[in-house]
N, C-alpha and C. Protein backbone atom coordinates (compact mmCIF):
# COMPACT_ATOMS: atom_id res chain seq x y z
N MET A 1 0.82 -1.22 0.00
CA MET A 1 0.00 0.00 0.00
C MET A 1 0.85 1.27 0.00
N LEU A 2 2.13 1.13 0.41
CA LEU A 2 3.03 2.28 0.35
C LEU A 2 3.19 2.75 -1.09
N GLU A 3 3.24 1.78 -2.02
CA GLU A 3 3.35 2.13 -3.43
C GLU A 3 2.15 2.94 -3.90
N THR A 4 0.95 2.53 -3.46
CA THR A 4 -0.27 3.24 -3.82
C THR A 4 -0.25 4.67 -3.28
N ALA A 5 0.21 4.81 -2.03
CA ALA A 5 0.26 6.14 -1.42
C ALA A 5 1.25 7.05 -2.14
N LEU A 6 2.43 6.53 -2.44
CA LEU A 6 3.44 7.35 -3.13
C LEU A 6 2.97 7.73 -4.53
N LYS A 7 2.36 6.76 -5.22
CA LYS A 7 1.87 7.03 -6.57
C LYS A 7 0.75 8.08 -6.53
N SER A 8 -0.14 7.96 -5.57
CA SER A 8 -1.26 8.90 -5.46
C SER A 8 -0.77 10.30 -5.11
N LEU A 9 0.16 10.40 -4.15
CA LEU A 9 0.68 11.70 -3.74
C LEU A 9 1.41 12.38 -4.90
N THR A 10 2.24 11.61 -5.60
CA THR A 10 2.99 12.18 -6.72
C THR A 10 2.06 12.63 -7.84
N THR A 11 1.09 11.79 -8.17
CA THR A 11 0.18 12.11 -9.28
C THR A 11 -0.69 13.33 -8.95
N PHE A 12 -1.25 13.36 -7.75
CA PHE A 12 -2.09 14.50 -7.37
C PHE A 12 -1.26 15.79 -7.29
N PHE A 13 -0.04 15.70 -6.75
CA PHE A 13 0.79 16.90 -6.66
C PHE A 13 1.11 17.44 -8.04
N ALA A 14 1.41 16.53 -8.97
CA ALA A 14 1.78 16.96 -10.32
C ALA A 14 0.59 17.53 -11.08
N THR A 15 -0.58 16.91 -10.95
CA THR A 15 -1.74 17.35 -11.74
C THR A 15 -2.46 18.55 -11.11
N ILE A 16 -2.47 18.65 -9.79
CA ILE A 16 -3.11 19.79 -9.14
C ILE A 16 -2.18 21.01 -9.21
N GLY A 17 -0.88 20.77 -9.05
CA GLY A 17 0.10 21.85 -9.18
C GLY A 17 0.00 22.91 -8.11
N PRO A 18 0.19 22.57 -6.83
CA PRO A 18 0.07 23.56 -5.75
C PRO A 18 1.02 24.74 -5.89
N VAL A 19 2.27 24.47 -6.28
CA VAL A 19 3.25 25.55 -6.38
C VAL A 19 2.87 26.52 -7.49
N GLU A 20 2.55 25.99 -8.65
CA GLU A 20 2.17 26.85 -9.77
C GLU A 20 0.88 27.61 -9.47
N ALA A 21 -0.07 26.94 -8.82
CA ALA A 21 -1.32 27.62 -8.46
C ALA A 21 -1.05 28.76 -7.49
N ALA A 22 -0.13 28.56 -6.55
CA ALA A 22 0.19 29.62 -5.59
C ALA A 22 0.82 30.82 -6.28
N VAL A 23 1.71 30.55 -7.23
CA VAL A 23 2.36 31.64 -7.97
C VAL A 23 1.33 32.43 -8.78
N LEU A 24 0.44 31.72 -9.46
CA LEU A 24 -0.60 32.39 -10.25
C LEU A 24 -1.58 33.14 -9.35
N PHE A 25 -1.87 32.56 -8.19
CA PHE A 25 -2.76 33.22 -7.23
C PHE A 25 -2.16 34.54 -6.77
N ALA A 26 -0.85 34.54 -6.55
CA ALA A 26 -0.18 35.77 -6.13
C ALA A 26 -0.27 36.85 -7.19
N THR A 27 -0.18 36.45 -8.46
CA THR A 27 -0.26 37.43 -9.54
C THR A 27 -1.69 37.94 -9.76
N LEU A 28 -2.69 37.15 -9.34
CA LEU A 28 -4.08 37.55 -9.52
C LEU A 28 -4.58 38.43 -8.37
N THR A 29 -3.89 38.38 -7.24
CA THR A 29 -4.37 39.11 -6.05
C THR A 29 -3.28 39.99 -5.45
N PRO A 30 -2.59 40.79 -6.25
CA PRO A 30 -1.46 41.56 -5.71
C PRO A 30 -1.87 42.69 -4.77
N LYS A 31 -3.08 43.25 -4.96
CA LYS A 31 -3.49 44.42 -4.18
C LYS A 31 -4.49 44.08 -3.08
N MET A 32 -4.82 42.79 -2.92
CA MET A 32 -5.79 42.39 -1.91
C MET A 32 -5.15 42.34 -0.53
N ALA A 33 -5.94 42.63 0.48
CA ALA A 33 -5.46 42.52 1.85
C ALA A 33 -5.32 41.04 2.23
N ARG A 34 -4.46 40.75 3.20
CA ARG A 34 -4.22 39.36 3.58
C ARG A 34 -5.50 38.62 3.99
N PRO A 35 -6.40 39.20 4.82
CA PRO A 35 -7.63 38.47 5.18
C PRO A 35 -8.47 38.10 3.96
N GLU A 36 -8.53 38.99 2.98
CA GLU A 36 -9.31 38.71 1.77
C GLU A 36 -8.67 37.57 0.97
N ARG A 37 -7.33 37.60 0.84
CA ARG A 37 -6.64 36.53 0.14
C ARG A 37 -6.82 35.19 0.85
N GLN A 38 -6.78 35.21 2.16
CA GLN A 38 -6.95 33.98 2.93
C GLN A 38 -8.35 33.40 2.73
N ALA A 39 -9.36 34.26 2.72
CA ALA A 39 -10.73 33.80 2.51
C ALA A 39 -10.90 33.17 1.13
N ILE A 40 -10.31 33.80 0.13
CA ILE A 40 -10.38 33.27 -1.23
C ILE A 40 -9.66 31.93 -1.32
N ALA A 41 -8.49 31.83 -0.70
CA ALA A 41 -7.71 30.59 -0.75
C ALA A 41 -8.48 29.44 -0.10
N ILE A 42 -9.08 29.70 1.05
CA ILE A 42 -9.83 28.66 1.76
C ILE A 42 -11.04 28.22 0.93
N ARG A 43 -11.77 29.19 0.40
CA ARG A 43 -12.96 28.86 -0.39
C ARG A 43 -12.60 28.07 -1.64
N ALA A 44 -11.56 28.52 -2.34
CA ALA A 44 -11.16 27.84 -3.57
C ALA A 44 -10.71 26.41 -3.28
N THR A 45 -9.95 26.21 -2.22
CA THR A 45 -9.47 24.87 -1.87
C THR A 45 -10.63 23.95 -1.52
N LEU A 46 -11.61 24.46 -0.79
CA LEU A 46 -12.77 23.64 -0.43
C LEU A 46 -13.56 23.24 -1.67
N ILE A 47 -13.78 24.18 -2.57
CA ILE A 47 -14.54 23.88 -3.79
C ILE A 47 -13.80 22.86 -4.64
N ALA A 48 -12.50 23.06 -4.81
CA ALA A 48 -11.70 22.12 -5.61
C ALA A 48 -11.68 20.74 -4.96
N SER A 49 -11.62 20.69 -3.63
CA SER A 49 -11.61 19.40 -2.92
C SER A 49 -12.91 18.64 -3.15
N VAL A 50 -14.02 19.36 -3.13
CA VAL A 50 -15.32 18.71 -3.37
C VAL A 50 -15.38 18.17 -4.80
N ILE A 51 -14.93 18.97 -5.77
CA ILE A 51 -14.96 18.53 -7.17
C ILE A 51 -14.09 17.30 -7.37
N LEU A 52 -12.85 17.34 -6.87
CA LEU A 52 -11.93 16.23 -7.06
C LEU A 52 -12.36 15.01 -6.26
N GLY A 53 -12.90 15.23 -5.07
CA GLY A 53 -13.41 14.11 -4.29
C GLY A 53 -14.56 13.40 -4.99
N PHE A 54 -15.43 14.19 -5.62
CA PHE A 54 -16.56 13.62 -6.36
C PHE A 54 -16.06 12.74 -7.51
N PHE A 55 -15.13 13.27 -8.31
CA PHE A 55 -14.64 12.50 -9.44
C PHE A 55 -13.84 11.29 -9.00
N THR A 56 -13.11 11.41 -7.89
CA THR A 56 -12.33 10.27 -7.41
C THR A 56 -13.22 9.14 -6.92
N LEU A 57 -14.26 9.48 -6.18
CA LEU A 57 -15.11 8.45 -5.59
C LEU A 57 -16.20 7.96 -6.53
N LEU A 58 -16.72 8.84 -7.38
CA LEU A 58 -17.89 8.47 -8.19
C LEU A 58 -17.63 8.49 -9.69
N GLY A 59 -16.48 9.02 -10.11
CA GLY A 59 -16.21 9.10 -11.55
C GLY A 59 -16.13 7.74 -12.20
N GLY A 60 -15.43 6.80 -11.55
CA GLY A 60 -15.31 5.44 -12.09
C GLY A 60 -16.64 4.73 -12.22
N PRO A 61 -17.45 4.67 -11.14
CA PRO A 61 -18.76 4.03 -11.25
C PRO A 61 -19.66 4.65 -12.32
N ILE A 62 -19.59 5.96 -12.47
CA ILE A 62 -20.41 6.61 -13.50
C ILE A 62 -19.97 6.16 -14.89
N LEU A 63 -18.65 6.11 -15.10
CA LEU A 63 -18.15 5.66 -16.39
C LEU A 63 -18.50 4.20 -16.65
N ASN A 64 -18.47 3.39 -15.58
CA ASN A 64 -18.86 1.99 -15.73
C ASN A 64 -20.31 1.86 -16.20
N GLN A 65 -21.18 2.72 -15.66
CA GLN A 65 -22.58 2.71 -16.08
C GLN A 65 -22.73 3.12 -17.54
N LEU A 66 -21.75 3.87 -18.04
CA LEU A 66 -21.77 4.29 -19.44
C LEU A 66 -21.10 3.27 -20.35
N GLY A 67 -20.65 2.17 -19.74
CA GLY A 67 -20.03 1.11 -20.53
C GLY A 67 -18.56 1.30 -20.79
N VAL A 68 -17.91 2.17 -20.03
CA VAL A 68 -16.47 2.40 -20.20
C VAL A 68 -15.71 1.43 -19.31
N SER A 69 -14.83 0.64 -19.90
CA SER A 69 -14.10 -0.37 -19.14
C SER A 69 -12.94 0.25 -18.38
N ILE A 70 -12.44 -0.49 -17.39
CA ILE A 70 -11.28 -0.05 -16.63
C ILE A 70 -10.07 0.10 -17.56
N ALA A 71 -9.95 -0.83 -18.51
CA ALA A 71 -8.83 -0.76 -19.46
C ALA A 71 -8.86 0.53 -20.27
N ALA A 72 -10.05 0.89 -20.74
CA ALA A 72 -10.19 2.13 -21.51
C ALA A 72 -9.91 3.35 -20.64
N LEU A 73 -10.36 3.27 -19.38
CA LEU A 73 -10.12 4.37 -18.45
C LEU A 73 -8.63 4.54 -18.18
N GLN A 74 -7.94 3.43 -17.96
CA GLN A 74 -6.50 3.50 -17.71
C GLN A 74 -5.75 4.06 -18.91
N THR A 75 -6.14 3.61 -20.10
CA THR A 75 -5.47 4.08 -21.31
C THR A 75 -5.72 5.57 -21.54
N ALA A 76 -6.98 5.99 -21.43
CA ALA A 76 -7.31 7.40 -21.64
C ALA A 76 -6.66 8.28 -20.57
N GLY A 77 -6.71 7.82 -19.32
CA GLY A 77 -6.08 8.58 -18.25
C GLY A 77 -4.58 8.70 -18.45
N GLY A 78 -3.96 7.62 -18.93
CA GLY A 78 -2.53 7.65 -19.21
C GLY A 78 -2.17 8.67 -20.28
N VAL A 79 -2.99 8.74 -21.32
CA VAL A 79 -2.75 9.69 -22.41
C VAL A 79 -2.85 11.13 -21.89
N ILE A 80 -3.92 11.41 -21.12
CA ILE A 80 -4.12 12.76 -20.61
C ILE A 80 -2.97 13.17 -19.69
N LEU A 81 -2.60 12.27 -18.78
CA LEU A 81 -1.52 12.58 -17.84
C LEU A 81 -0.19 12.74 -18.56
N LEU A 82 0.02 11.99 -19.63
CA LEU A 82 1.27 12.10 -20.39
C LEU A 82 1.36 13.46 -21.07
N ILE A 83 0.24 13.94 -21.60
CA ILE A 83 0.23 15.26 -22.24
C ILE A 83 0.57 16.34 -21.21
N ILE A 84 -0.04 16.23 -20.02
CA ILE A 84 0.23 17.20 -18.96
C ILE A 84 1.70 17.12 -18.54
N ALA A 85 2.22 15.89 -18.43
CA ALA A 85 3.61 15.71 -18.02
C ALA A 85 4.56 16.35 -19.02
N LEU A 86 4.29 16.20 -20.31
CA LEU A 86 5.14 16.80 -21.34
C LEU A 86 5.10 18.33 -21.26
N ASP A 87 3.92 18.89 -20.98
CA ASP A 87 3.82 20.34 -20.81
C ASP A 87 4.67 20.79 -19.62
N MET A 88 4.66 19.99 -18.54
CA MET A 88 5.45 20.34 -17.36
C MET A 88 6.94 20.23 -17.64
N ILE A 89 7.35 19.17 -18.30
CA ILE A 89 8.78 18.93 -18.55
C ILE A 89 9.37 20.02 -19.45
N PHE A 90 8.64 20.39 -20.50
CA PHE A 90 9.16 21.37 -21.45
C PHE A 90 8.73 22.80 -21.13
N ALA A 91 7.98 22.93 -19.99
CA ALA A 91 7.57 24.27 -19.52
C ALA A 91 6.90 25.06 -20.63
N ARG A 92 5.96 24.42 -21.29
CA ARG A 92 5.29 25.10 -22.40
C ARG A 92 4.31 26.14 -21.88
N PRO A 93 4.40 27.38 -22.30
CA PRO A 93 3.42 28.39 -21.89
C PRO A 93 2.05 28.05 -22.46
N GLY A 94 1.03 28.24 -21.62
CA GLY A 94 -0.32 27.93 -22.08
C GLY A 94 -0.58 26.46 -22.16
N GLY A 95 0.17 25.65 -21.37
CA GLY A 95 0.00 24.21 -21.39
C GLY A 95 -1.26 23.77 -20.71
N ALA A 96 -1.37 22.45 -20.49
CA ALA A 96 -2.61 21.87 -19.98
C ALA A 96 -2.93 22.29 -18.57
N ILE A 97 -1.92 22.74 -17.79
CA ILE A 97 -2.19 23.12 -16.41
C ILE A 97 -2.15 24.63 -16.23
N LYS A 98 -2.26 25.40 -17.31
CA LYS A 98 -2.25 26.84 -17.23
C LYS A 98 -3.56 27.39 -17.77
N LEU A 99 -3.73 28.69 -17.61
CA LEU A 99 -4.90 29.34 -18.16
C LEU A 99 -4.64 29.72 -19.61
N THR A 100 -5.70 29.63 -20.41
CA THR A 100 -5.60 30.14 -21.77
C THR A 100 -5.65 31.67 -21.70
N PRO A 101 -5.18 32.38 -22.74
CA PRO A 101 -5.22 33.85 -22.72
C PRO A 101 -6.61 34.42 -22.43
N PRO A 102 -7.70 33.91 -23.05
CA PRO A 102 -9.02 34.44 -22.70
C PRO A 102 -9.38 34.22 -21.23
N GLU A 103 -9.01 33.04 -20.70
CA GLU A 103 -9.30 32.76 -19.29
C GLU A 103 -8.52 33.70 -18.38
N GLY A 104 -7.26 33.96 -18.74
CA GLY A 104 -6.46 34.88 -17.94
C GLY A 104 -7.03 36.28 -17.96
N ALA A 105 -7.49 36.73 -19.12
CA ALA A 105 -8.07 38.07 -19.22
C ALA A 105 -9.34 38.18 -18.41
N GLU A 106 -10.17 37.12 -18.45
CA GLU A 106 -11.41 37.14 -17.67
C GLU A 106 -11.11 37.12 -16.19
N ALA A 107 -10.10 36.35 -15.78
CA ALA A 107 -9.75 36.26 -14.37
C ALA A 107 -9.33 37.62 -13.81
N GLN A 108 -8.62 38.41 -14.62
CA GLN A 108 -8.14 39.70 -14.15
C GLN A 108 -9.29 40.68 -13.90
N THR A 109 -10.42 40.48 -14.56
CA THR A 109 -11.54 41.41 -14.43
C THR A 109 -12.59 40.93 -13.43
N ARG A 110 -12.42 39.74 -12.88
CA ARG A 110 -13.40 39.21 -11.93
C ARG A 110 -13.07 39.65 -10.52
N GLU A 111 -14.12 39.98 -9.74
CA GLU A 111 -13.90 40.36 -8.35
C GLU A 111 -13.62 39.13 -7.50
N ASP A 112 -14.25 38.01 -7.80
CA ASP A 112 -14.06 36.78 -7.03
C ASP A 112 -13.37 35.75 -7.90
N VAL A 113 -12.11 35.45 -7.56
CA VAL A 113 -11.35 34.49 -8.35
C VAL A 113 -11.34 33.12 -7.69
N ALA A 114 -12.10 32.95 -6.61
CA ALA A 114 -12.07 31.69 -5.87
C ALA A 114 -12.59 30.53 -6.73
N VAL A 115 -13.75 30.74 -7.37
CA VAL A 115 -14.35 29.68 -8.18
C VAL A 115 -13.63 29.58 -9.51
N PHE A 116 -13.54 30.70 -10.20
CA PHE A 116 -12.82 30.75 -11.48
C PHE A 116 -11.83 31.91 -11.42
N PRO A 117 -10.57 31.66 -11.68
CA PRO A 117 -10.01 30.42 -12.23
C PRO A 117 -9.33 29.52 -11.20
N LEU A 118 -9.39 29.91 -9.91
CA LEU A 118 -8.57 29.21 -8.93
C LEU A 118 -9.06 27.79 -8.66
N ALA A 119 -10.32 27.65 -8.23
CA ALA A 119 -10.83 26.30 -7.92
C ALA A 119 -10.85 25.43 -9.15
N THR A 120 -11.36 25.99 -10.23
CA THR A 120 -11.36 25.31 -11.52
C THR A 120 -11.19 26.36 -12.61
N PRO A 121 -10.24 26.19 -13.52
CA PRO A 121 -9.53 24.95 -13.83
C PRO A 121 -8.14 24.81 -13.22
N LEU A 122 -7.66 25.79 -12.40
CA LEU A 122 -6.29 25.71 -11.91
C LEU A 122 -6.06 24.50 -11.00
N LEU A 123 -6.92 24.34 -9.98
CA LEU A 123 -6.75 23.23 -9.04
C LEU A 123 -7.48 21.99 -9.52
N ALA A 124 -8.77 22.09 -9.71
CA ALA A 124 -9.56 20.94 -10.16
C ALA A 124 -9.72 21.01 -11.67
N GLY A 125 -8.63 20.76 -12.37
CA GLY A 125 -8.66 20.76 -13.83
C GLY A 125 -8.90 19.37 -14.39
N PRO A 126 -8.97 19.25 -15.70
CA PRO A 126 -9.21 17.94 -16.33
C PRO A 126 -8.16 16.90 -15.94
N GLY A 127 -6.90 17.32 -15.84
CA GLY A 127 -5.86 16.37 -15.48
C GLY A 127 -6.03 15.81 -14.09
N ALA A 128 -6.33 16.69 -13.13
CA ALA A 128 -6.52 16.24 -11.75
C ALA A 128 -7.76 15.36 -11.63
N MET A 129 -8.83 15.72 -12.35
CA MET A 129 -10.04 14.89 -12.33
C MET A 129 -9.75 13.50 -12.90
N SER A 130 -9.06 13.47 -14.03
CA SER A 130 -8.71 12.19 -14.64
C SER A 130 -7.80 11.38 -13.73
N ALA A 131 -6.88 12.06 -13.05
CA ALA A 131 -5.97 11.36 -12.14
C ALA A 131 -6.75 10.71 -11.00
N GLY A 132 -7.72 11.43 -10.45
CA GLY A 132 -8.52 10.87 -9.37
C GLY A 132 -9.28 9.62 -9.80
N ILE A 133 -9.90 9.71 -10.97
CA ILE A 133 -10.65 8.56 -11.49
C ILE A 133 -9.72 7.38 -11.74
N LEU A 134 -8.56 7.66 -12.34
CA LEU A 134 -7.60 6.61 -12.68
C LEU A 134 -7.04 5.94 -11.42
N LEU A 135 -6.66 6.73 -10.43
CA LEU A 135 -6.11 6.17 -9.20
C LEU A 135 -7.14 5.33 -8.47
N ALA A 136 -8.39 5.81 -8.45
CA ALA A 136 -9.45 5.03 -7.81
C ALA A 136 -9.70 3.73 -8.56
N ALA A 137 -9.63 3.78 -9.89
CA ALA A 137 -9.82 2.56 -10.68
C ALA A 137 -8.70 1.57 -10.42
N ASN A 138 -7.48 2.06 -10.25
CA ASN A 138 -6.35 1.17 -9.98
C ASN A 138 -6.46 0.51 -8.62
N ALA A 139 -7.25 1.10 -7.73
CA ALA A 139 -7.46 0.50 -6.41
C ALA A 139 -8.34 -0.74 -6.49
N SER A 140 -8.96 -0.96 -7.65
CA SER A 140 -9.75 -2.17 -7.93
C SER A 140 -10.90 -2.37 -6.94
N GLY A 141 -11.46 -1.29 -6.48
CA GLY A 141 -12.62 -1.39 -5.60
C GLY A 141 -12.30 -1.78 -4.17
N GLU A 142 -11.03 -1.91 -3.81
CA GLU A 142 -10.67 -2.25 -2.44
C GLU A 142 -10.85 -1.03 -1.54
N PRO A 143 -11.63 -1.17 -0.46
CA PRO A 143 -11.90 -0.01 0.41
C PRO A 143 -10.62 0.62 0.96
N PHE A 144 -9.64 -0.22 1.36
CA PHE A 144 -8.42 0.32 1.93
C PHE A 144 -7.62 1.09 0.88
N GLY A 145 -7.55 0.53 -0.32
CA GLY A 145 -6.83 1.22 -1.39
C GLY A 145 -7.50 2.54 -1.76
N LEU A 146 -8.83 2.55 -1.82
CA LEU A 146 -9.57 3.77 -2.12
C LEU A 146 -9.38 4.80 -1.01
N ALA A 147 -9.31 4.30 0.23
CA ALA A 147 -9.09 5.21 1.36
C ALA A 147 -7.72 5.87 1.26
N ILE A 148 -6.72 5.12 0.81
CA ILE A 148 -5.38 5.68 0.65
C ILE A 148 -5.38 6.77 -0.43
N VAL A 149 -6.06 6.51 -1.54
CA VAL A 149 -6.15 7.50 -2.61
C VAL A 149 -6.83 8.77 -2.11
N THR A 150 -7.94 8.59 -1.38
CA THR A 150 -8.68 9.75 -0.85
C THR A 150 -7.85 10.52 0.16
N ALA A 151 -7.14 9.79 1.03
CA ALA A 151 -6.29 10.44 2.02
C ALA A 151 -5.15 11.20 1.34
N SER A 152 -4.61 10.63 0.27
CA SER A 152 -3.55 11.31 -0.48
C SER A 152 -4.06 12.61 -1.08
N LEU A 153 -5.27 12.56 -1.63
CA LEU A 153 -5.88 13.77 -2.18
C LEU A 153 -6.04 14.83 -1.09
N ALA A 154 -6.50 14.39 0.10
CA ALA A 154 -6.68 15.32 1.21
C ALA A 154 -5.35 15.95 1.62
N CYS A 155 -4.29 15.16 1.65
CA CYS A 155 -2.97 15.68 2.02
C CYS A 155 -2.49 16.74 1.03
N ILE A 156 -2.67 16.46 -0.25
CA ILE A 156 -2.23 17.42 -1.28
C ILE A 156 -3.06 18.69 -1.22
N MET A 157 -4.34 18.58 -0.95
CA MET A 157 -5.19 19.77 -0.86
C MET A 157 -4.84 20.59 0.37
N ILE A 158 -4.45 19.94 1.46
CA ILE A 158 -4.00 20.68 2.64
C ILE A 158 -2.70 21.43 2.33
N ALA A 159 -1.79 20.74 1.64
CA ALA A 159 -0.54 21.38 1.23
C ALA A 159 -0.82 22.54 0.27
N THR A 160 -1.80 22.35 -0.61
CA THR A 160 -2.18 23.41 -1.55
C THR A 160 -2.70 24.64 -0.81
N LEU A 161 -3.55 24.41 0.18
CA LEU A 161 -4.08 25.52 0.97
C LEU A 161 -2.95 26.27 1.66
N ALA A 162 -2.01 25.53 2.24
CA ALA A 162 -0.89 26.17 2.92
C ALA A 162 -0.08 27.04 1.97
N LEU A 163 0.16 26.54 0.76
CA LEU A 163 0.93 27.31 -0.23
C LEU A 163 0.15 28.52 -0.71
N LEU A 164 -1.17 28.38 -0.86
CA LEU A 164 -1.98 29.52 -1.28
C LEU A 164 -1.97 30.61 -0.21
N LEU A 165 -2.03 30.21 1.05
CA LEU A 165 -2.00 31.19 2.14
C LEU A 165 -0.67 31.92 2.20
N LEU A 166 0.38 31.26 1.72
CA LEU A 166 1.72 31.86 1.71
C LEU A 166 2.14 32.27 0.31
N ALA A 167 1.16 32.49 -0.56
CA ALA A 167 1.45 32.72 -1.98
C ALA A 167 2.37 33.91 -2.20
N GLN A 168 2.09 35.04 -1.57
CA GLN A 168 2.91 36.23 -1.78
C GLN A 168 4.34 36.00 -1.33
N GLU A 169 4.49 35.38 -0.16
CA GLU A 169 5.84 35.10 0.35
C GLU A 169 6.56 34.09 -0.54
N LEU A 170 5.83 33.06 -0.99
CA LEU A 170 6.43 32.05 -1.85
C LEU A 170 6.90 32.66 -3.16
N ASN A 171 6.11 33.57 -3.70
CA ASN A 171 6.46 34.19 -4.97
C ASN A 171 7.72 35.04 -4.85
N ARG A 172 7.92 35.63 -3.66
CA ARG A 172 9.13 36.43 -3.45
C ARG A 172 10.36 35.57 -3.21
N VAL A 173 10.18 34.48 -2.44
CA VAL A 173 11.32 33.65 -2.05
C VAL A 173 11.79 32.76 -3.20
N MET A 174 10.83 32.10 -3.86
CA MET A 174 11.18 31.18 -4.95
C MET A 174 11.38 31.95 -6.25
N GLY A 175 12.50 31.75 -6.86
CA GLY A 175 12.73 32.36 -8.16
C GLY A 175 12.09 31.52 -9.26
N ILE A 176 12.09 32.07 -10.45
CA ILE A 176 11.52 31.36 -11.60
C ILE A 176 12.25 30.05 -11.84
N THR A 177 13.58 30.08 -11.66
CA THR A 177 14.37 28.88 -11.91
C THR A 177 13.98 27.75 -10.98
N ALA A 178 13.84 28.04 -9.69
CA ALA A 178 13.47 27.02 -8.72
C ALA A 178 12.09 26.46 -9.01
N GLN A 179 11.17 27.33 -9.40
CA GLN A 179 9.82 26.87 -9.74
C GLN A 179 9.86 25.92 -10.94
N ARG A 180 10.62 26.29 -11.97
CA ARG A 180 10.69 25.47 -13.17
C ARG A 180 11.34 24.12 -12.89
N VAL A 181 12.38 24.12 -12.06
CA VAL A 181 13.05 22.86 -11.73
C VAL A 181 12.08 21.93 -11.02
N LEU A 182 11.34 22.45 -10.04
CA LEU A 182 10.40 21.62 -9.29
C LEU A 182 9.31 21.06 -10.20
N ILE A 183 8.79 21.90 -11.08
CA ILE A 183 7.73 21.47 -11.99
C ILE A 183 8.25 20.39 -12.95
N ARG A 184 9.48 20.55 -13.44
CA ARG A 184 10.05 19.56 -14.36
C ARG A 184 10.28 18.22 -13.67
N VAL A 185 10.75 18.26 -12.41
CA VAL A 185 10.99 17.01 -11.68
C VAL A 185 9.70 16.22 -11.54
N PHE A 186 8.63 16.89 -11.13
CA PHE A 186 7.36 16.20 -10.99
C PHE A 186 6.76 15.84 -12.35
N GLY A 187 7.11 16.59 -13.38
CA GLY A 187 6.66 16.24 -14.72
C GLY A 187 7.26 14.92 -15.18
N ILE A 188 8.54 14.70 -14.87
CA ILE A 188 9.18 13.44 -15.25
C ILE A 188 8.55 12.27 -14.49
N LEU A 189 8.30 12.45 -13.21
CA LEU A 189 7.65 11.40 -12.42
C LEU A 189 6.26 11.10 -12.96
N LEU A 190 5.52 12.16 -13.29
CA LEU A 190 4.17 11.97 -13.82
C LEU A 190 4.20 11.27 -15.17
N ALA A 191 5.20 11.57 -16.00
CA ALA A 191 5.31 10.92 -17.30
C ALA A 191 5.50 9.42 -17.13
N ALA A 192 6.34 9.02 -16.17
CA ALA A 192 6.56 7.59 -15.92
C ALA A 192 5.27 6.91 -15.46
N LEU A 193 4.53 7.57 -14.57
CA LEU A 193 3.27 7.00 -14.10
C LEU A 193 2.25 6.92 -15.24
N ALA A 194 2.26 7.92 -16.12
CA ALA A 194 1.31 7.93 -17.23
C ALA A 194 1.59 6.80 -18.20
N VAL A 195 2.87 6.57 -18.51
CA VAL A 195 3.23 5.48 -19.41
C VAL A 195 2.87 4.13 -18.80
N GLN A 196 3.08 3.99 -17.48
CA GLN A 196 2.71 2.74 -16.81
C GLN A 196 1.20 2.52 -16.88
N ALA A 197 0.44 3.59 -16.73
CA ALA A 197 -1.02 3.47 -16.86
C ALA A 197 -1.41 3.03 -18.26
N LEU A 198 -0.70 3.55 -19.27
CA LEU A 198 -0.95 3.12 -20.65
C LEU A 198 -0.66 1.63 -20.81
N PHE A 199 0.48 1.19 -20.27
CA PHE A 199 0.83 -0.22 -20.34
C PHE A 199 -0.24 -1.09 -19.69
N ASN A 200 -0.68 -0.67 -18.50
CA ASN A 200 -1.69 -1.43 -17.77
C ASN A 200 -3.01 -1.50 -18.54
N GLY A 201 -3.38 -0.36 -19.16
CA GLY A 201 -4.61 -0.34 -19.92
C GLY A 201 -4.55 -1.23 -21.14
N ILE A 202 -3.41 -1.22 -21.85
CA ILE A 202 -3.25 -2.07 -23.02
C ILE A 202 -3.27 -3.54 -22.63
N LYS A 203 -2.58 -3.86 -21.53
CA LYS A 203 -2.55 -5.25 -21.08
C LYS A 203 -3.94 -5.72 -20.66
N ALA A 204 -4.66 -4.86 -19.91
CA ALA A 204 -5.99 -5.25 -19.42
C ALA A 204 -6.99 -5.40 -20.56
N SER A 205 -6.78 -4.66 -21.64
CA SER A 205 -7.72 -4.75 -22.76
C SER A 205 -7.64 -6.10 -23.46
N GLY A 206 -6.46 -6.73 -23.44
CA GLY A 206 -6.29 -8.01 -24.11
C GLY A 206 -6.20 -7.91 -25.62
N LEU A 207 -6.24 -6.70 -26.13
CA LEU A 207 -6.21 -6.51 -27.58
C LEU A 207 -4.80 -6.68 -28.14
N ILE A 208 -3.82 -6.22 -27.34
CA ILE A 208 -2.42 -6.32 -27.80
C ILE A 208 -1.62 -6.97 -26.69
N PRO A 209 -1.61 -8.30 -26.61
CA PRO A 209 -0.84 -8.94 -25.55
C PRO A 209 0.65 -8.74 -25.75
N VAL A 210 1.28 -8.07 -24.78
CA VAL A 210 2.71 -7.80 -24.87
C VAL A 210 3.37 -8.29 -23.61
N ALA A 211 4.38 -9.12 -23.76
CA ALA A 211 5.08 -9.66 -22.60
C ALA A 211 5.84 -8.55 -21.89
N GLY A 212 5.83 -8.63 -20.56
CA GLY A 212 6.60 -7.68 -19.77
C GLY A 212 5.76 -6.56 -19.20
N PHE A 213 4.51 -6.37 -19.66
CA PHE A 213 3.65 -5.34 -19.07
C PHE A 213 3.16 -5.85 -17.73
N SER A 214 3.15 -4.97 -16.74
CA SER A 214 2.65 -5.34 -15.41
C SER A 214 1.91 -4.21 -14.79
């Protein structure tokens, strides 16, 4: 179960992106008073936690009702996570875990950034939702395994809240280089997990039997 916990923590950290979210949050709220920023951070984290918790616990069963197999889910989740990992590794501007230019422009003009863009799509984005569903599916319906995935999500969201509360200080202390290095390291780890998910999905499908997949 240690493997499940480490995999869940790494995947959620990479797809939710607490450090990047904190940096973007600091740029969106430069003139706000600390109490106002704290209220927004708490609200956004709670909303994102509810969204990701829903997809983690109920996303798989809903897809099963739609006739989507675990193999298909693993393969699709692997593809999505691999795309996100490549964006992280090559630090592509406007990648899968960033805001598009129209979203960024809208965010600058909104009085409340807690729901958009902070809670979604920055924290609870497509990658994080897919990661939750995929990790829960890999638990194979075991209550203990699902509990570990859920607890890992809770740990990452707590860490995310802490970083958001310290966003201004973090933005001053961490340089661009340090941020990029951290994002690239987790991007490489996420890429490995994504490829493994692809292997597992292909093997489970039985369509292309390949020796050595596990």
